[in-house]
Amino acid sequence: MANDKVFKLLGLFFLAMLLFNFPILNLFSKGGSVAGIPVLFAYIFLSWVLLILFTARLVESKPKQNNKPR
């Protein structure tokens, strides 16, 4: 079970690398604003918060128990 968490954390790491890399960031750097906040800043902070929440949920989750009859 712990091995599953490692693979999921690695997946989150690579997702973060993808989200904060140049081609994706360039999509949001064109200008404009959402509620007075530049779109690029809104994207960065929203994706950052979501990654933190996903990581916390993954790390804090308890392993599932297999109750198989013998």
PDB file of N, CA and C in Angstrom:
ATOM      1  N   MET A   1       0.806  -1.203   0.000  1.00  0.00           N
ATOM      2  CA  MET A   1       0.000   0.000   0.000  1.00  0.00           C
ATOM      3  C   MET A   1       0.849   1.267   0.000  1.00  0.00           C
ATOM      4  N   ALA A   2       1.932   1.253   0.746  1.00  0.00           N
ATOM      5  CA  ALA A   2       2.784   2.443   0.794  1.00  0.00           C
ATOM      6  C   ALA A   2       3.396   2.713  -0.575  1.00  0.00           C
ATOM      7  N   ASN A   3       3.588   1.645  -1.329  1.00  0.00           N
ATOM      8  CA  ASN A   3       4.148   1.793  -2.663  1.00  0.00           C
ATOM      9  C   ASN A   3       3.188   2.558  -3.570  1.00  0.00           C
ATOM     10  N   ASP A   4       1.882   2.368  -3.375  1.00  0.00           N
ATOM     11  CA  ASP A   4       0.885   3.106  -4.149  1.00  0.00           C
ATOM     12  C   ASP A   4       0.984   4.604  -3.874  1.00  0.00           C
ATOM     13  N   LYS A   5       1.193   4.960  -2.618  1.00  0.00           N
ATOM     14  CA  LYS A   5       1.322   6.374  -2.269  1.00  0.00           C
ATOM     15  C   LYS A   5       2.536   7.006  -2.939  1.00  0.00           C
ATOM     16  N   VAL A   6       3.607   6.251  -3.011  1.00  0.00           N
ATOM     17  CA  VAL A   6       4.824   6.775  -3.644  1.00  0.00           C
ATOM     18  C   VAL A   6       4.561   7.075  -5.111  1.00  0.00           C
ATOM     19  N   PHE A   7       3.890   6.159  -5.805  1.00  0.00           N
ATOM     20  CA  PHE A   7       3.597   6.385  -7.215  1.00  0.00           C
ATOM     21  C   PHE A   7       2.629   7.554  -7.410  1.00  0.00           C
ATOM     22  N   LYS A   8       1.662   7.691  -6.515  1.00  0.00           N
ATOM     23  CA  LYS A   8       0.729   8.816  -6.622  1.00  0.00           C
ATOM     24  C   LYS A   8       1.433  10.142  -6.337  1.00  0.00           C
ATOM     25  N   LEU A   9       2.336  10.155  -5.373  1.00  0.00           N
ATOM     26  CA  LEU A   9       3.101  11.375  -5.092  1.00  0.00           C
ATOM     27  C   LEU A   9       4.016  11.729  -6.261  1.00  0.00           C
ATOM     28  N   LEU A  10       4.596  10.727  -6.890  1.00  0.00           N
ATOM     29  CA  LEU A  10       5.404  10.991  -8.076  1.00  0.00           C
ATOM     30  C   LEU A  10       4.546  11.548  -9.207  1.00  0.00           C
ATOM     31  N   GLY A  11       3.337  11.033  -9.337  1.00  0.00           N
ATOM     32  CA  GLY A  11       2.416  11.556 -10.337  1.00  0.00           C
ATOM     33  C   GLY A  11       2.072  13.009 -10.074  1.00  0.00           C
ATOM     34  N   LEU A  12       1.841  13.357  -8.803  1.00  0.00           N
ATOM     35  CA  LEU A  12       1.570  14.759  -8.454  1.00  0.00           C
ATOM     36  C   LEU A  12       2.783  15.644  -8.741  1.00  0.00           C
ATOM     37  N   PHE A  13       3.967  15.118  -8.497  1.00  0.00           N
ATOM     38  CA  PHE A  13       5.181  15.876  -8.783  1.00  0.00           C
ATOM     39  C   PHE A  13       5.288  16.191 -10.277  1.00  0.00           C
ATOM     40  N   PHE A  14       5.070  15.175 -11.109  1.00  0.00           N
ATOM     41  CA  PHE A  14       5.165  15.400 -12.554  1.00  0.00           C
ATOM     42  C   PHE A  14       4.023  16.280 -13.059  1.00  0.00           C
ATOM     43  N   LEU A  15       2.854  16.187 -12.434  1.00  0.00           N
ATOM     44  CA  LEU A  15       1.757  17.091 -12.785  1.00  0.00           C
ATOM     45  C   LEU A  15       2.140  18.531 -12.455  1.00  0.00           C
ATOM     46  N   ALA A  16       2.763  18.744 -11.299  1.00  0.00           N
ATOM     47  CA  ALA A  16       3.203  20.090 -10.923  1.00  0.00           C
ATOM     48  C   ALA A  16       4.266  20.605 -11.895  1.00  0.00           C
ATOM     49  N   MET A  17       5.172  19.725 -12.302  1.00  0.00           N
ATOM     50  CA  MET A  17       6.181  20.144 -13.282  1.00  0.00           C
ATOM     51  C   MET A  17       5.523  20.565 -14.589  1.00  0.00           C
ATOM     52  N   LEU A  18       4.495  19.842 -14.997  1.00  0.00           N
ATOM     53  CA  LEU A  18       3.786  20.181 -16.225  1.00  0.00           C
ATOM     54  C   LEU A  18       3.021  21.491 -16.072  1.00  0.00           C
ATOM     55  N   LEU A  19       2.333  21.665 -14.945  1.00  0.00           N
ATOM     56  CA  LEU A  19       1.510  22.862 -14.738  1.00  0.00           C
ATOM     57  C   LEU A  19       2.338  24.138 -14.647  1.00  0.00           C
ATOM     58  N   PHE A  20       3.549  24.041 -14.106  1.00  0.00           N
ATOM     59  CA  PHE A  20       4.368  25.230 -13.897  1.00  0.00           C
ATOM     60  C   PHE A  20       5.502  25.343 -14.903  1.00  0.00           C
ATOM     61  N   ASN A  21       5.356  24.710 -16.055  1.00  0.00           N
ATOM     62  CA  ASN A  21       6.368  24.777 -17.093  1.00  0.00           C
ATOM     63  C   ASN A  21       5.975  25.833 -18.123  1.00  0.00           C
ATOM     64  N   PHE A  22       6.927  26.216 -18.970  1.00  0.00           N
ATOM     65  CA  PHE A  22       6.744  27.340 -19.885  1.00  0.00           C
ATOM     66  C   PHE A  22       5.526  27.234 -20.806  1.00  0.00           C
ATOM     67  N   PRO A  23       5.308  26.148 -21.521  1.00  0.00           N
ATOM     68  CA  PRO A  23       4.193  26.181 -22.492  1.00  0.00           C
ATOM     69  C   PRO A  23       2.834  26.435 -21.842  1.00  0.00           C
ATOM     70  N   ILE A  24       2.606  25.869 -20.684  1.00  0.00           N
ATOM     71  CA  ILE A  24       1.317  26.062 -20.011  1.00  0.00           C
ATOM     72  C   ILE A  24       1.229  27.472 -19.437  1.00  0.00           C
ATOM     73  N   LEU A  25       2.289  27.936 -18.798  1.00  0.00           N
ATOM     74  CA  LEU A  25       2.280  29.287 -18.241  1.00  0.00           C
ATOM     75  C   LEU A  25       2.116  30.336 -19.331  1.00  0.00           C
ATOM     76  N   ASN A  26       2.633  30.064 -20.504  1.00  0.00           N
ATOM     77  CA  ASN A  26       2.526  31.015 -21.599  1.00  0.00           C
ATOM     78  C   ASN A  26       1.074  31.182 -22.058  1.00  0.00           C
ATOM     79  N   LEU A  27       0.266  30.150 -21.889  1.00  0.00           N
ATOM     80  CA  LEU A  27      -1.150  30.247 -22.251  1.00  0.00           C
ATOM     81  C   LEU A  27      -1.879  31.299 -21.417  1.00  0.00           C
ATOM     82  N   PHE A  28      -1.467  31.456 -20.163  1.00  0.00           N
ATOM     83  CA  PHE A  28      -2.152  32.362 -19.247  1.00  0.00           C
ATOM     84  C   PHE A  28      -1.483  33.729 -19.122  1.00  0.00           C
ATOM     85  N   SER A  29      -0.392  33.953 -19.832  1.00  0.00           N
ATOM     86  CA  SER A  29       0.322  35.211 -19.692  1.00  0.00           C
ATOM     87  C   SER A  29      -0.111  36.253 -20.723  1.00  0.00           C
ATOM     88  N   LYS A  30      -1.187  36.036 -21.403  1.00  0.00           N
ATOM     89  CA  LYS A  30      -1.609  36.935 -22.476  1.00  0.00           C
ATOM     90  C   LYS A  30      -2.224  38.236 -21.965  1.00  0.00           C
ATOM     91  N   GLY A  31      -2.634  38.273 -20.736  1.00  0.00           N
ATOM     92  CA  GLY A  31      -3.240  39.485 -20.202  1.00  0.00           C
ATOM     93  C   GLY A  31      -4.649  39.199 -19.710  1.00  0.00           C
ATOM     94  N   GLY A  32      -5.323  40.227 -19.308  1.00  0.00           N
ATOM     95  CA  GLY A  32      -6.668  40.068 -18.768  1.00  0.00           C
ATOM     96  C   GLY A  32      -6.626  39.909 -17.265  1.00  0.00           C
ATOM     97  N   SER A  33      -7.800  39.930 -16.686  1.00  0.00           N
ATOM     98  CA  SER A  33      -7.863  39.789 -15.238  1.00  0.00           C
ATOM     99  C   SER A  33      -9.169  39.109 -14.835  1.00  0.00           C
ATOM    100  N   VAL A  34      -9.122  38.474 -13.678  1.00  0.00           N
ATOM    101  CA  VAL A  34     -10.288  37.829 -13.079  1.00  0.00           C
ATOM    102  C   VAL A  34     -10.477  38.477 -11.715  1.00  0.00           C
ATOM    103  N   ALA A  35     -11.561  39.208 -11.550  1.00  0.00           N
ATOM    104  CA  ALA A  35     -11.854  39.911 -10.300  1.00  0.00           C
ATOM    105  C   ALA A  35     -10.699  40.838  -9.914  1.00  0.00           C
ATOM    106  N   GLY A  36     -10.072  41.453 -10.894  1.00  0.00           N
ATOM    107  CA  GLY A  36      -8.994  42.392 -10.631  1.00  0.00           C
ATOM    108  C   GLY A  36      -7.628  41.755 -10.452  1.00  0.00           C
ATOM    109  N   ILE A  37      -7.549  40.433 -10.539  1.00  0.00           N
ATOM    110  CA  ILE A  37      -6.277  39.712 -10.391  1.00  0.00           C
ATOM    111  C   ILE A  37      -5.845  39.245 -11.777  1.00  0.00           C
ATOM    112  N   PRO A  38      -4.593  39.481 -12.155  1.00  0.00           N
ATOM    113  CA  PRO A  38      -4.136  38.997 -13.464  1.00  0.00           C
ATOM    114  C   PRO A  38      -4.335  37.484 -13.601  1.00  0.00           C
ATOM    115  N   VAL A  39      -4.693  37.047 -14.806  1.00  0.00           N
ATOM    116  CA  VAL A  39      -5.021  35.645 -15.048  1.00  0.00           C
ATOM    117  C   VAL A  39      -3.846  34.732 -14.708  1.00  0.00           C
ATOM    118  N   LEU A  40      -2.634  35.156 -15.016  1.00  0.00           N
ATOM    119  CA  LEU A  40      -1.466  34.333 -14.722  1.00  0.00           C
ATOM    120  C   LEU A  40      -1.327  34.092 -13.224  1.00  0.00           C
ATOM    121  N   PHE A  41      -1.493  35.134 -12.419  1.00  0.00           N
ATOM    122  CA  PHE A  41      -1.391  34.976 -10.964  1.00  0.00           C
ATOM    123  C   PHE A  41      -2.513  34.097 -10.432  1.00  0.00           C
ATOM    124  N   ALA A  42      -3.722  34.282 -10.948  1.00  0.00           N
ATOM    125  CA  ALA A  42      -4.849  33.458 -10.519  1.00  0.00           C
ATOM    126  C   ALA A  42      -4.584  31.992 -10.841  1.00  0.00           C
ATOM    127  N   TYR A  43      -4.064  31.711 -12.044  1.00  0.00           N
ATOM    128  CA  TYR A  43      -3.746  30.334 -12.431  1.00  0.00           C
ATOM    129  C   TYR A  43      -2.686  29.740 -11.519  1.00  0.00           C
ATOM    130  N   ILE A  44      -1.627  30.480 -11.265  1.00  0.00           N
ATOM    131  CA  ILE A  44      -0.533  29.962 -10.441  1.00  0.00           C
ATOM    132  C   ILE A  44      -1.019  29.651  -9.038  1.00  0.00           C
ATOM    133  N   PHE A  45      -1.727  30.572  -8.415  1.00  0.00           N
ATOM    134  CA  PHE A  45      -2.165  30.343  -7.039  1.00  0.00           C
ATOM    135  C   PHE A  45      -3.248  29.281  -6.943  1.00  0.00           C
ATOM    136  N   LEU A  46      -4.160  29.223  -7.906  1.00  0.00           N
ATOM    137  CA  LEU A  46      -5.203  28.196  -7.874  1.00  0.00           C
ATOM    138  C   LEU A  46      -4.600  26.805  -8.069  1.00  0.00           C
ATOM    139  N   SER A  47      -3.699  26.653  -9.019  1.00  0.00           N
ATOM    140  CA  SER A  47      -3.089  25.344  -9.232  1.00  0.00           C
ATOM    141  C   SER A  47      -2.195  24.963  -8.053  1.00  0.00           C
ATOM    142  N   TRP A  48      -1.546  25.928  -7.448  1.00  0.00           N
ATOM    143  CA  TRP A  48      -0.710  25.668  -6.273  1.00  0.00           C
ATOM    144  C   TRP A  48      -1.568  25.153  -5.114  1.00  0.00           C
ATOM    145  N   VAL A  49      -2.686  25.825  -4.866  1.00  0.00           N
ATOM    146  CA  VAL A  49      -3.579  25.410  -3.780  1.00  0.00           C
ATOM    147  C   VAL A  49      -4.137  24.013  -4.049  1.00  0.00           C
ATOM    148  N   LEU A  50      -4.528  23.735  -5.283  1.00  0.00           N
ATOM    149  CA  LEU A  50      -5.064  22.413  -5.614  1.00  0.00           C
ATOM    150  C   LEU A  50      -4.014  21.317  -5.434  1.00  0.00           C
ATOM    151  N   LEU A  51      -2.786  21.586  -5.828  1.00  0.00           N
ATOM    152  CA  LEU A  51      -1.726  20.600  -5.618  1.00  0.00           C
ATOM    153  C   LEU A  51      -1.474  20.349  -4.133  1.00  0.00           C
ATOM    154  N   ILE A  52      -1.520  21.389  -3.330  1.00  0.00           N
ATOM    155  CA  ILE A  52      -1.340  21.228  -1.885  1.00  0.00           C
ATOM    156  C   ILE A  52      -2.479  20.405  -1.304  1.00  0.00           C
ATOM    157  N   LEU A  53      -3.709  20.674  -1.719  1.00  0.00           N
ATOM    158  CA  LEU A  53      -4.855  19.916  -1.210  1.00  0.00           C
ATOM    159  C   LEU A  53      -4.792  18.450  -1.620  1.00  0.00           C
ATOM    160  N   PHE A  54      -4.439  18.185  -2.874  1.00  0.00           N
ATOM    161  CA  PHE A  54      -4.318  16.797  -3.325  1.00  0.00           C
ATOM    162  C   PHE A  54      -3.210  16.071  -2.572  1.00  0.00           C
ATOM    163  N   THR A  55      -2.095  16.748  -2.354  1.00  0.00           N
ATOM    164  CA  THR A  55      -0.986  16.134  -1.627  1.00  0.00           C
ATOM    165  C   THR A  55      -1.369  15.854  -0.180  1.00  0.00           C
ATOM    166  N   ALA A  56      -2.030  16.792   0.466  1.00  0.00           N
ATOM    167  CA  ALA A  56      -2.446  16.593   1.858  1.00  0.00           C
ATOM    168  C   ALA A  56      -3.435  15.441   1.964  1.00  0.00           C
ATOM    169  N   ARG A  57      -4.375  15.377   1.038  1.00  0.00           N
ATOM    170  CA  ARG A  57      -5.358  14.287   1.082  1.00  0.00           C
ATOM    171  C   ARG A  57      -4.686  12.939   0.871  1.00  0.00           C
ATOM    172  N   LEU A  58      -3.721  12.888  -0.027  1.00  0.00           N
ATOM    173  CA  LEU A  58      -3.023  11.637  -0.295  1.00  0.00           C
ATOM    174  C   LEU A  58      -2.174  11.211   0.894  1.00  0.00           C
ATOM    175  N   VAL A  59      -1.459  12.143   1.475  1.00  0.00           N
ATOM    176  CA  VAL A  59      -0.561  11.813   2.584  1.00  0.00           C
ATOM    177  C   VAL A  59      -1.338  11.453   3.846  1.00  0.00           C
ATOM    178  N   GLU A  60      -2.451  12.123   4.091  1.00  0.00           N
ATOM    179  CA  GLU A  60      -3.228  11.892   5.300  1.00  0.00           C
ATOM    180  C   GLU A  60      -4.185  10.706   5.197  1.00  0.00           C
ATOM    181  N   SER A  61      -4.354  10.144   4.012  1.00  0.00           N
ATOM    182  CA  SER A  61      -5.296   9.028   3.865  1.00  0.00           C
ATOM    183  C   SER A  61      -4.736   7.781   4.539  1.00  0.00           C
ATOM    184  N   LYS A  62      -5.653   7.019   5.101  1.00  0.00           N
ATOM    185  CA  LYS A  62      -5.260   5.782   5.764  1.00  0.00           C
ATOM    186  C   LYS A  62      -5.318   4.648   4.752  1.00  0.00           C
ATOM    187  N   PRO A  63      -4.435   3.685   4.891  1.00  0.00           N
ATOM    188  CA  PRO A  63      -4.445   2.562   3.940  1.00  0.00           C
ATOM    189  C   PRO A  63      -5.720   1.736   4.088  1.00  0.00           C
ATOM    190  N   LYS A  64      -6.193   1.228   2.959  1.00  0.00           N
ATOM    191  CA  LYS A  64      -7.375   0.377   2.978  1.00  0.00           C
ATOM    192  C   LYS A  64      -6.990  -0.990   3.503  1.00  0.00           C
ATOM    193  N   GLN A  65      -7.891  -1.571   4.283  1.00  0.00           N
ATOM    194  CA  GLN A  65      -7.628  -2.883   4.829  1.00  0.00           C
ATOM    195  C   GLN A  65      -8.357  -3.926   4.006  1.00  0.00           C
ATOM    196  N   ASN A  66      -7.662  -4.990   3.700  1.00  0.00           N
ATOM    197  CA  ASN A  66      -8.272  -6.085   2.969  1.00  0.00           C
ATOM    198  C   ASN A  66      -8.815  -7.098   3.962  1.00  0.00           C
ATOM    199  N   ASN A  67     -10.117  -7.187   4.060  1.00  0.00           N
ATOM    200  CA  ASN A  67     -10.753  -8.139   4.969  1.00  0.00           C
ATOM    201  C   ASN A  67     -11.245  -9.329   4.162  1.00  0.00           C
ATOM    202  N   LYS A  68     -10.306 -10.135   3.715  1.00  0.00           N
ATOM    203  CA  LYS A  68     -10.646 -11.314   2.939  1.00  0.00           C
ATOM    204  C   LYS A  68     -10.835 -12.505   3.872  1.00  0.00           C
ATOM    205  N   PRO A  69     -11.900 -13.256   3.671  1.00  0.00           N
ATOM    206  CA  PRO A  69     -12.063 -14.462   4.497  1.00  0.00           C
ATOM    207  C   PRO A  69     -11.036 -15.519   4.087  1.00  0.00           C
ATOM    208  N   ARG A  70     -10.566 -16.248   5.074  1.00  0.00           N
ATOM    209  CA  ARG A  70      -9.536 -17.267   4.803  1.00  0.00           C
ATOM    210  C   ARG A  70     -10.140 -18.631   4.731  1.00  0.00           C
TER     211      ARG A  70
END
